[in-house]
């Protein structure tokens, strides 16, 4: 395991960002999974406006993928479209109907990203569960035709990262409903989506538990992943980072604001 080399080759001082022991073999990590699920220093990723419940913290160290408003409760996956389908995303949970016509923010975690999840708001965990799903599933719209003299085949265009919207309803995913302390938000949802072979979504909070904005709520194990924040219709959420931004939005940093 070349953890030490990985640490040295990053553009920042690894030990200032992550909890580790630079003097120990493999920086003190006992396994690949131990390294992959490494913890971040509180000072390296401070919580956005910890006393302001209108500021929403980023749940994952991630690059913005898509933002959608007025999302349907149920939609079909057409050949050249990846619509969000709230009932499917939320595994037909009894709370899902509350998010009809709501807003979805989705962002991507590369395999090199920090992979623990943090509460975007302060509040109470209403529901938390993992829904089993598919491996390596891709929509047909993400396959480009390529032909040879004797056969026509299909090849991936840009990898499974382009199918993130589609995977929210089909891949293994963790669903966590949070009743925010801020009445302008109320009930919201976090979805952690395992991509490719990622099927271990570990929730570390329990139903009924109170969390503060920025607290850890779970983690992915192994590879690249995606996540969503869902807000109900009428929640005036704004200020999301621009789609196309090249840099990750820091975990626990501000990702949006809610206007009362």
C-alpha atoms as a PDB file:
ATOM      1  CA  UNK A   1       0.000   0.000   0.000  1.00  0.00           C
ATOM      2  CA  UNK A   2       1.585   3.279  -1.123  1.00  0.00           C
ATOM      3  CA  UNK A   3      -0.311   5.569   1.242  1.00  0.00           C
ATOM      4  CA  UNK A   4       2.813   7.577   2.099  1.00  0.00           C
ATOM      5  CA  UNK A   5       3.515   8.311  -1.567  1.00  0.00           C
ATOM      6  CA  UNK A   6      -0.103   9.310  -2.147  1.00  0.00           C
ATOM      7  CA  UNK A   7       0.132  11.690   0.785  1.00  0.00           C
ATOM      8  CA  UNK A   8       3.345  13.303  -0.447  1.00  0.00           C
ATOM      9  CA  UNK A   9       2.042  13.790  -3.973  1.00  0.00           C
ATOM     10  CA  UNK A  10      -0.968  15.916  -3.009  1.00  0.00           C
ATOM     11  CA  UNK A  11      -0.947  19.702  -3.559  1.00  0.00           C
ATOM     12  CA  UNK A  12      -1.427  20.424   0.165  1.00  0.00           C
ATOM     13  CA  UNK A  13       0.219  19.156   3.315  1.00  0.00           C
ATOM     14  CA  UNK A  14      -1.621  15.925   3.922  1.00  0.00           C
ATOM     15  CA  UNK A  15      -1.055  15.923   7.675  1.00  0.00           C
ATOM     16  CA  UNK A  16      -2.533  19.422   7.973  1.00  0.00           C
ATOM     17  CA  UNK A  17      -5.699  18.308   6.227  1.00  0.00           C
ATOM     18  CA  UNK A  18      -6.175  14.788   7.597  1.00  0.00           C
ATOM     19  CA  UNK A  19      -5.748  13.066  10.941  1.00  0.00           C
ATOM     20  CA  UNK A  20      -2.685  10.843  10.594  1.00  0.00           C
ATOM     21  CA  UNK A  21       0.811  10.166  11.916  1.00  0.00           C
ATOM     22  CA  UNK A  22       3.449  11.163   9.316  1.00  0.00           C
ATOM     23  CA  UNK A  23       6.172   9.429  11.332  1.00  0.00           C
ATOM     24  CA  UNK A  24       4.430   6.035  11.194  1.00  0.00           C
ATOM     25  CA  UNK A  25       4.435   3.472   8.406  1.00  0.00           C
ATOM     26  CA  UNK A  26       1.695   4.312   5.904  1.00  0.00           C
ATOM     27  CA  UNK A  27       1.052   7.457   7.945  1.00  0.00           C
ATOM     28  CA  UNK A  28      -0.524   5.279  10.624  1.00  0.00           C
ATOM     29  CA  UNK A  29      -3.304   3.885   8.412  1.00  0.00           C
ATOM     30  CA  UNK A  30      -3.955   0.187   9.026  1.00  0.00           C
ATOM     31  CA  UNK A  31      -5.555  -0.661   5.678  1.00  0.00           C
ATOM     32  CA  UNK A  32      -6.664   0.820   2.369  1.00  0.00           C
ATOM     33  CA  UNK A  33     -10.171   1.327   3.772  1.00  0.00           C
ATOM     34  CA  UNK A  34      -8.739   3.028   6.866  1.00  0.00           C
ATOM     35  CA  UNK A  35      -6.930   5.453   4.531  1.00  0.00           C
ATOM     36  CA  UNK A  36      -9.932   5.907   2.254  1.00  0.00           C
ATOM     37  CA  UNK A  37     -12.258   6.791   5.156  1.00  0.00           C
ATOM     38  CA  UNK A  38      -9.662   9.051   6.800  1.00  0.00           C
ATOM     39  CA  UNK A  39     -10.925  11.881   8.967  1.00  0.00           C
ATOM     40  CA  UNK A  40     -10.371  15.558   8.310  1.00  0.00           C
ATOM     41  CA  UNK A  41      -9.068  18.045  10.882  1.00  0.00           C
ATOM     42  CA  UNK A  42     -11.797  20.329  12.243  1.00  0.00           C
ATOM     43  CA  UNK A  43      -9.595  23.373  11.556  1.00  0.00           C
ATOM     44  CA  UNK A  44      -9.004  22.345   7.924  1.00  0.00           C
ATOM     45  CA  UNK A  45     -12.721  22.289   7.115  1.00  0.00           C
ATOM     46  CA  UNK A  46     -14.551  24.690   9.464  1.00  0.00           C
ATOM     47  CA  UNK A  47     -18.356  24.710   9.613  1.00  0.00           C
ATOM     48  CA  UNK A  48     -19.998  27.505   7.622  1.00  0.00           C
ATOM     49  CA  UNK A  49     -21.563  30.123   9.926  1.00  0.00           C
ATOM     50  CA  UNK A  50     -22.160  27.653  12.784  1.00  0.00           C
ATOM     51  CA  UNK A  51     -24.632  29.952  14.552  1.00  0.00           C
ATOM     52  CA  UNK A  52     -26.616  30.883  11.435  1.00  0.00           C
ATOM     53  CA  UNK A  53     -29.309  28.309  10.602  1.00  0.00           C
ATOM     54  CA  UNK A  54     -29.930  29.981   7.234  1.00  0.00           C
ATOM     55  CA  UNK A  55     -26.494  28.906   5.983  1.00  0.00           C
ATOM     56  CA  UNK A  56     -26.453  25.327   4.629  1.00  0.00           C
ATOM     57  CA  UNK A  57     -23.194  23.392   4.933  1.00  0.00           C
ATOM     58  CA  UNK A  58     -21.830  21.197   2.166  1.00  0.00           C
ATOM     59  CA  UNK A  59     -22.391  17.561   3.132  1.00  0.00           C
ATOM     60  CA  UNK A  60     -19.457  16.178   1.094  1.00  0.00           C
ATOM     61  CA  UNK A  61     -16.166  17.390  -0.374  1.00  0.00           C
ATOM     62  CA  UNK A  62     -17.511  17.486  -3.910  1.00  0.00           C
ATOM     63  CA  UNK A  63     -17.807  19.075  -7.344  1.00  0.00           C
ATOM     64  CA  UNK A  64     -21.237  20.398  -8.310  1.00  0.00           C
ATOM     65  CA  UNK A  65     -22.961  18.238 -10.942  1.00  0.00           C
ATOM     66  CA  UNK A  66     -26.525  19.515 -11.319  1.00  0.00           C
ATOM     67  CA  UNK A  67     -29.245  21.654  -9.730  1.00  0.00           C
ATOM     68  CA  UNK A  68     -32.922  21.039 -10.498  1.00  0.00           C
ATOM     69  CA  UNK A  69     -36.144  22.778  -9.429  1.00  0.00           C
ATOM     70  CA  UNK A  70     -39.774  21.663  -9.565  1.00  0.00           C
ATOM     71  CA  UNK A  71     -38.748  18.010  -9.646  1.00  0.00           C
ATOM     72  CA  UNK A  72     -41.507  15.481 -10.295  1.00  0.00           C
ATOM     73  CA  UNK A  73     -42.474  12.905  -7.714  1.00  0.00           C
ATOM     74  CA  UNK A  74     -42.219  10.170 -10.363  1.00  0.00           C
ATOM     75  CA  UNK A  75     -40.564  10.326 -13.779  1.00  0.00           C
ATOM     76  CA  UNK A  76     -39.367   7.896 -16.438  1.00  0.00           C
ATOM     77  CA  UNK A  77     -35.817   7.480 -17.704  1.00  0.00           C
ATOM     78  CA  UNK A  78     -36.092   8.179 -21.420  1.00  0.00           C
ATOM     79  CA  UNK A  79     -33.349   7.262 -23.878  1.00  0.00           C
ATOM     80  CA  UNK A  80     -31.720  10.716 -23.926  1.00  0.00           C
ATOM     81  CA  UNK A  81     -32.701  12.080 -20.550  1.00  0.00           C
ATOM     82  CA  UNK A  82     -31.791  11.639 -16.882  1.00  0.00           C
ATOM     83  CA  UNK A  83     -34.727  13.163 -14.992  1.00  0.00           C
ATOM     84  CA  UNK A  84     -34.887  12.971 -11.230  1.00  0.00           C
ATOM     85  CA  UNK A  85     -37.664  10.749  -9.876  1.00  0.00           C
ATOM     86  CA  UNK A  86     -38.172  11.570  -6.212  1.00  0.00           C
ATOM     87  CA  UNK A  87     -40.162   8.481  -5.235  1.00  0.00           C
ATOM     88  CA  UNK A  88     -37.503   6.217  -6.732  1.00  0.00           C
ATOM     89  CA  UNK A  89     -34.621   8.221  -5.264  1.00  0.00           C
ATOM     90  CA  UNK A  90     -36.136   8.018  -1.791  1.00  0.00           C
ATOM     91  CA  UNK A  91     -37.049   4.329  -2.158  1.00  0.00           C
ATOM     92  CA  UNK A  92     -40.811   5.017  -1.912  1.00  0.00           C
ATOM     93  CA  UNK A  93     -40.434   6.079   1.711  1.00  0.00           C
ATOM     94  CA  UNK A  94     -43.555   7.500   3.348  1.00  0.00           C
ATOM     95  CA  UNK A  95     -41.820  10.897   3.663  1.00  0.00           C
ATOM     96  CA  UNK A  96     -40.972  11.080  -0.049  1.00  0.00           C
ATOM     97  CA  UNK A  97     -44.246  12.699  -1.158  1.00  0.00           C
ATOM     98  CA  UNK A  98     -43.344  15.826   0.815  1.00  0.00           C
ATOM     99  CA  UNK A  99     -40.601  16.587  -1.735  1.00  0.00           C
ATOM    100  CA  UNK A 100     -42.854  16.792  -4.814  1.00  0.00           C
ATOM    101  CA  UNK A 101     -41.917  19.848  -6.926  1.00  0.00           C
ATOM    102  CA  UNK A 102     -38.906  20.412  -4.708  1.00  0.00           C
ATOM    103  CA  UNK A 103     -35.271  21.328  -5.353  1.00  0.00           C
ATOM    104  CA  UNK A 104     -32.324  18.948  -5.786  1.00  0.00           C
ATOM    105  CA  UNK A 105     -28.627  19.780  -5.546  1.00  0.00           C
ATOM    106  CA  UNK A 106     -26.226  17.039  -6.674  1.00  0.00           C
ATOM    107  CA  UNK A 107     -22.415  16.880  -6.560  1.00  0.00           C
ATOM    108  CA  UNK A 108     -19.670  14.357  -7.366  1.00  0.00           C
ATOM    109  CA  UNK A 109     -16.935  12.883  -5.147  1.00  0.00           C
ATOM    110  CA  UNK A 110     -13.892  11.609  -7.033  1.00  0.00           C
ATOM    111  CA  UNK A 111     -11.979   8.596  -5.739  1.00  0.00           C
ATOM    112  CA  UNK A 112      -9.364  10.993  -4.334  1.00  0.00           C
ATOM    113  CA  UNK A 113     -11.876  13.071  -2.363  1.00  0.00           C
ATOM    114  CA  UNK A 114     -12.617  12.973   1.340  1.00  0.00           C
ATOM    115  CA  UNK A 115     -15.488  10.481   1.671  1.00  0.00           C
ATOM    116  CA  UNK A 116     -17.231  11.124   4.975  1.00  0.00           C
ATOM    117  CA  UNK A 117     -20.606  12.895   5.059  1.00  0.00           C
ATOM    118  CA  UNK A 118     -21.548  15.773   7.355  1.00  0.00           C
ATOM    119  CA  UNK A 119     -24.892  17.220   8.385  1.00  0.00           C
ATOM    120  CA  UNK A 120     -25.869  20.159   6.159  1.00  0.00           C
ATOM    121  CA  UNK A 121     -28.146  21.586   8.875  1.00  0.00           C
ATOM    122  CA  UNK A 122     -28.785  21.292  12.587  1.00  0.00           C
ATOM    123  CA  UNK A 123     -31.813  19.204  13.476  1.00  0.00           C
ATOM    124  CA  UNK A 124     -33.150  15.736  14.244  1.00  0.00           C
ATOM    125  CA  UNK A 125     -32.691  12.583  12.156  1.00  0.00           C
ATOM    126  CA  UNK A 126     -36.210  11.507  11.192  1.00  0.00           C
ATOM    127  CA  UNK A 127     -35.311   8.495   9.051  1.00  0.00           C
ATOM    128  CA  UNK A 128     -32.037   6.819   8.028  1.00  0.00           C
ATOM    129  CA  UNK A 129     -31.610   3.690   5.906  1.00  0.00           C
ATOM    130  CA  UNK A 130     -29.588   2.129   3.063  1.00  0.00           C
ATOM    131  CA  UNK A 131     -31.341   1.016  -0.124  1.00  0.00           C
ATOM    132  CA  UNK A 132     -29.541  -1.730  -2.076  1.00  0.00           C
ATOM    133  CA  UNK A 133     -29.099  -1.085  -5.799  1.00  0.00           C
ATOM    134  CA  UNK A 134     -27.275  -1.860  -9.029  1.00  0.00           C
ATOM    135  CA  UNK A 135     -23.601  -2.168  -9.966  1.00  0.00           C
ATOM    136  CA  UNK A 136     -22.127  -0.462 -13.072  1.00  0.00           C
ATOM    137  CA  UNK A 137     -25.526   0.456 -14.510  1.00  0.00           C
ATOM    138  CA  UNK A 138     -25.512   3.183 -17.200  1.00  0.00           C
ATOM    139  CA  UNK A 139     -28.323   4.720 -19.278  1.00  0.00           C
ATOM    140  CA  UNK A 140     -28.201   4.185 -23.042  1.00  0.00           C
ATOM    141  CA  UNK A 141     -27.804   7.940 -23.581  1.00  0.00           C
ATOM    142  CA  UNK A 142     -24.292   7.736 -22.125  1.00  0.00           C
ATOM    143  CA  UNK A 143     -23.082   5.198 -24.706  1.00  0.00           C
ATOM    144  CA  UNK A 144     -21.640   6.446 -28.002  1.00  0.00           C
ATOM    145  CA  UNK A 145     -21.820   4.213 -31.113  1.00  0.00           C
ATOM    146  CA  UNK A 146     -18.536   3.115 -32.692  1.00  0.00           C
ATOM    147  CA  UNK A 147     -18.330   1.009 -35.811  1.00  0.00           C
ATOM    148  CA  UNK A 148     -15.785  -1.258 -37.449  1.00  0.00           C
ATOM    149  CA  UNK A 149     -15.808  -3.078 -40.783  1.00  0.00           C
ATOM    150  CA  UNK A 150     -17.874  -5.948 -39.434  1.00  0.00           C
ATOM    151  CA  UNK A 151     -19.613  -4.875 -36.237  1.00  0.00           C
ATOM    152  CA  UNK A 152     -21.107  -1.862 -34.519  1.00  0.00           C
ATOM    153  CA  UNK A 153     -20.372  -1.538 -30.831  1.00  0.00           C
ATOM    154  CA  UNK A 154     -21.012   0.960 -28.078  1.00  0.00           C
ATOM    155  CA  UNK A 155     -18.345   2.536 -25.895  1.00  0.00           C
ATOM    156  CA  UNK A 156     -18.657   4.741 -22.788  1.00  0.00           C
ATOM    157  CA  UNK A 157     -18.404   8.454 -23.489  1.00  0.00           C
ATOM    158  CA  UNK A 158     -17.011   9.911 -20.268  1.00  0.00           C
ATOM    159  CA  UNK A 159     -17.453   7.120 -17.785  1.00  0.00           C
ATOM    160  CA  UNK A 160     -20.214   6.547 -15.306  1.00  0.00           C
ATOM    161  CA  UNK A 161     -19.770  10.022 -13.785  1.00  0.00           C
ATOM    162  CA  UNK A 162     -22.016  11.360 -16.572  1.00  0.00           C
ATOM    163  CA  UNK A 163     -24.872   9.123 -15.350  1.00  0.00           C
ATOM    164  CA  UNK A 164     -25.134  10.609 -11.863  1.00  0.00           C
ATOM    165  CA  UNK A 165     -28.751  11.713 -12.237  1.00  0.00           C
ATOM    166  CA  UNK A 166     -29.805   8.260 -13.413  1.00  0.00           C
ATOM    167  CA  UNK A 167     -27.931   6.536 -10.565  1.00  0.00           C
ATOM    168  CA  UNK A 168     -29.822   8.411  -7.850  1.00  0.00           C
ATOM    169  CA  UNK A 169     -32.741   6.030  -8.388  1.00  0.00           C
ATOM    170  CA  UNK A 170     -30.897   2.789  -9.147  1.00  0.00           C
ATOM    171  CA  UNK A 171     -27.547   2.579  -7.349  1.00  0.00           C
ATOM    172  CA  UNK A 172     -27.011   1.553  -3.735  1.00  0.00           C
ATOM    173  CA  UNK A 173     -27.704   4.669  -1.681  1.00  0.00           C
ATOM    174  CA  UNK A 174     -28.042   5.950   1.854  1.00  0.00           C
ATOM    175  CA  UNK A 175     -31.122   8.067   2.575  1.00  0.00           C
ATOM    176  CA  UNK A 176     -31.184  10.357   5.607  1.00  0.00           C
ATOM    177  CA  UNK A 177     -34.142  12.625   6.384  1.00  0.00           C
ATOM    178  CA  UNK A 178     -33.365  15.545   8.708  1.00  0.00           C
ATOM    179  CA  UNK A 179     -35.951  17.761  10.399  1.00  0.00           C
ATOM    180  CA  UNK A 180     -34.061  21.053  10.438  1.00  0.00           C
ATOM    181  CA  UNK A 181     -34.255  23.361  13.440  1.00  0.00           C
ATOM    182  CA  UNK A 182     -34.793  26.212  10.986  1.00  0.00           C
ATOM    183  CA  UNK A 183     -38.545  26.311  10.151  1.00  0.00           C
ATOM    184  CA  UNK A 184     -37.700  27.925   6.808  1.00  0.00           C
ATOM    185  CA  UNK A 185     -36.147  24.563   5.850  1.00  0.00           C
ATOM    186  CA  UNK A 186     -38.158  22.013   7.814  1.00  0.00           C
ATOM    187  CA  UNK A 187     -37.792  18.462   6.535  1.00  0.00           C
ATOM    188  CA  UNK A 188     -34.921  17.933   4.074  1.00  0.00           C
ATOM    189  CA  UNK A 189     -33.083  14.866   2.790  1.00  0.00           C
ATOM    190  CA  UNK A 190     -29.529  13.750   2.097  1.00  0.00           C
ATOM    191  CA  UNK A 191     -28.820  10.906  -0.345  1.00  0.00           C
ATOM    192  CA  UNK A 192     -25.370   9.318  -0.598  1.00  0.00           C
ATOM    193  CA  UNK A 193     -25.122   7.491  -3.942  1.00  0.00           C
ATOM    194  CA  UNK A 194     -22.591   4.680  -4.473  1.00  0.00           C
ATOM    195  CA  UNK A 195     -21.257   4.596  -8.051  1.00  0.00           C
ATOM    196  CA  UNK A 196     -19.694   1.779 -10.101  1.00  0.00           C
ATOM    197  CA  UNK A 197     -18.893  -0.997  -7.602  1.00  0.00           C
ATOM    198  CA  UNK A 198     -19.409   1.175  -4.516  1.00  0.00           C
ATOM    199  CA  UNK A 199     -22.102  -0.517  -2.459  1.00  0.00           C
ATOM    200  CA  UNK A 200     -21.008   0.190   1.100  1.00  0.00           C
ATOM    201  CA  UNK A 201     -22.783   3.317   2.276  1.00  0.00           C
ATOM    202  CA  UNK A 202     -22.353   3.461   6.045  1.00  0.00           C
ATOM    203  CA  UNK A 203     -24.720   5.588   8.127  1.00  0.00           C
ATOM    204  CA  UNK A 204     -23.301   6.624  11.505  1.00  0.00           C
ATOM    205  CA  UNK A 205     -26.363   8.379  12.973  1.00  0.00           C
ATOM    206  CA  UNK A 206     -29.619   6.934  14.283  1.00  0.00           C
ATOM    207  CA  UNK A 207     -33.249   7.921  13.928  1.00  0.00           C
ATOM    208  CA  UNK A 208     -34.225  10.374  16.634  1.00  0.00           C
ATOM    209  CA  UNK A 209     -30.651  11.581  17.101  1.00  0.00           C
ATOM    210  CA  UNK A 210     -29.982  15.329  17.218  1.00  0.00           C
ATOM    211  CA  UNK A 211     -27.140  16.587  15.036  1.00  0.00           C
ATOM    212  CA  UNK A 212     -25.442  19.924  14.719  1.00  0.00           C
ATOM    213  CA  UNK A 213     -24.532  21.366  11.352  1.00  0.00           C
ATOM    214  CA  UNK A 214     -21.189  19.867  10.337  1.00  0.00           C
ATOM    215  CA  UNK A 215     -21.461  16.712  12.462  1.00  0.00           C
ATOM    216  CA  UNK A 216     -20.478  13.450  10.770  1.00  0.00           C
ATOM    217  CA  UNK A 217     -23.472  11.400   9.581  1.00  0.00           C
ATOM    218  CA  UNK A 218     -21.823   8.611   7.555  1.00  0.00           C
ATOM    219  CA  UNK A 219     -19.334   7.659   4.831  1.00  0.00           C
ATOM    220  CA  UNK A 220     -18.668   5.891   1.543  1.00  0.00           C
ATOM    221  CA  UNK A 221     -16.214   3.009   1.296  1.00  0.00           C
ATOM    222  CA  UNK A 222     -13.847   2.513  -1.656  1.00  0.00           C
ATOM    223  CA  UNK A 223     -14.460   4.566  -4.852  1.00  0.00           C
ATOM    224  CA  UNK A 224     -16.021   7.587  -6.521  1.00  0.00           C
ATOM    225  CA  UNK A 225     -19.530   8.551  -5.447  1.00  0.00           C
ATOM    226  CA  UNK A 226     -22.233  11.203  -5.683  1.00  0.00           C
ATOM    227  CA  UNK A 227     -24.669  12.840  -3.285  1.00  0.00           C
ATOM    228  CA  UNK A 228     -27.868  14.907  -3.289  1.00  0.00           C
ATOM    229  CA  UNK A 229     -29.554  17.404  -1.012  1.00  0.00           C
ATOM    230  CA  UNK A 230     -33.347  17.595  -1.376  1.00  0.00           C
ATOM    231  CA  UNK A 231     -35.527  20.511  -0.287  1.00  0.00           C
ATOM    232  CA  UNK A 232     -39.320  20.699  -0.286  1.00  0.00           C
ATOM    233  CA  UNK A 233     -41.376  22.953  -2.522  1.00  0.00           C
ATOM    234  CA  UNK A 234     -41.535  26.473  -1.125  1.00  0.00           C
ATOM    235  CA  UNK A 235     -38.147  26.360   0.597  1.00  0.00           C
ATOM    236  CA  UNK A 236     -36.346  29.464  -0.689  1.00  0.00           C
ATOM    237  CA  UNK A 237     -32.910  27.955  -1.141  1.00  0.00           C
ATOM    238  CA  UNK A 238     -30.395  29.895  -3.235  1.00  0.00           C
ATOM    239  CA  UNK A 239     -26.710  30.611  -3.726  1.00  0.00           C
ATOM    240  CA  UNK A 240     -25.605  27.168  -4.889  1.00  0.00           C
ATOM    241  CA  UNK A 241     -22.180  27.024  -6.579  1.00  0.00           C
ATOM    242  CA  UNK A 242     -22.259  27.293 -10.359  1.00  0.00           C
ATOM    243  CA  UNK A 243     -22.521  24.102 -12.384  1.00  0.00           C
ATOM    244  CA  UNK A 244     -19.238  23.774 -14.255  1.00  0.00           C
ATOM    245  CA  UNK A 245     -17.102  24.961 -11.354  1.00  0.00           C
ATOM    246  CA  UNK A 246     -13.822  23.055 -11.585  1.00  0.00           C
ATOM    247  CA  UNK A 247     -12.920  23.036  -7.890  1.00  0.00           C
ATOM    248  CA  UNK A 248     -14.545  20.989  -5.148  1.00  0.00           C
ATOM    249  CA  UNK A 249     -16.775  22.832  -2.720  1.00  0.00           C
ATOM    250  CA  UNK A 250     -15.153  22.200   0.687  1.00  0.00           C
ATOM    251  CA  UNK A 251     -17.031  19.859   2.989  1.00  0.00           C
ATOM    252  CA  UNK A 252     -18.790  21.784   5.798  1.00  0.00           C
ATOM    253  CA  UNK A 253     -18.288  25.028   3.862  1.00  0.00           C
ATOM    254  CA  UNK A 254     -21.332  27.020   2.749  1.00  0.00           C
ATOM    255  CA  UNK A 255     -23.125  25.443  -0.204  1.00  0.00           C
ATOM    256  CA  UNK A 256     -26.333  27.516  -0.142  1.00  0.00           C
ATOM    257  CA  UNK A 257     -28.510  29.847   1.950  1.00  0.00           C
ATOM    258  CA  UNK A 258     -32.182  29.752   2.825  1.00  0.00           C
ATOM    259  CA  UNK A 259     -34.164  32.959   2.891  1.00  0.00           C
ATOM    260  CA  UNK A 260     -36.873  33.113   5.561  1.00  0.00           C
END
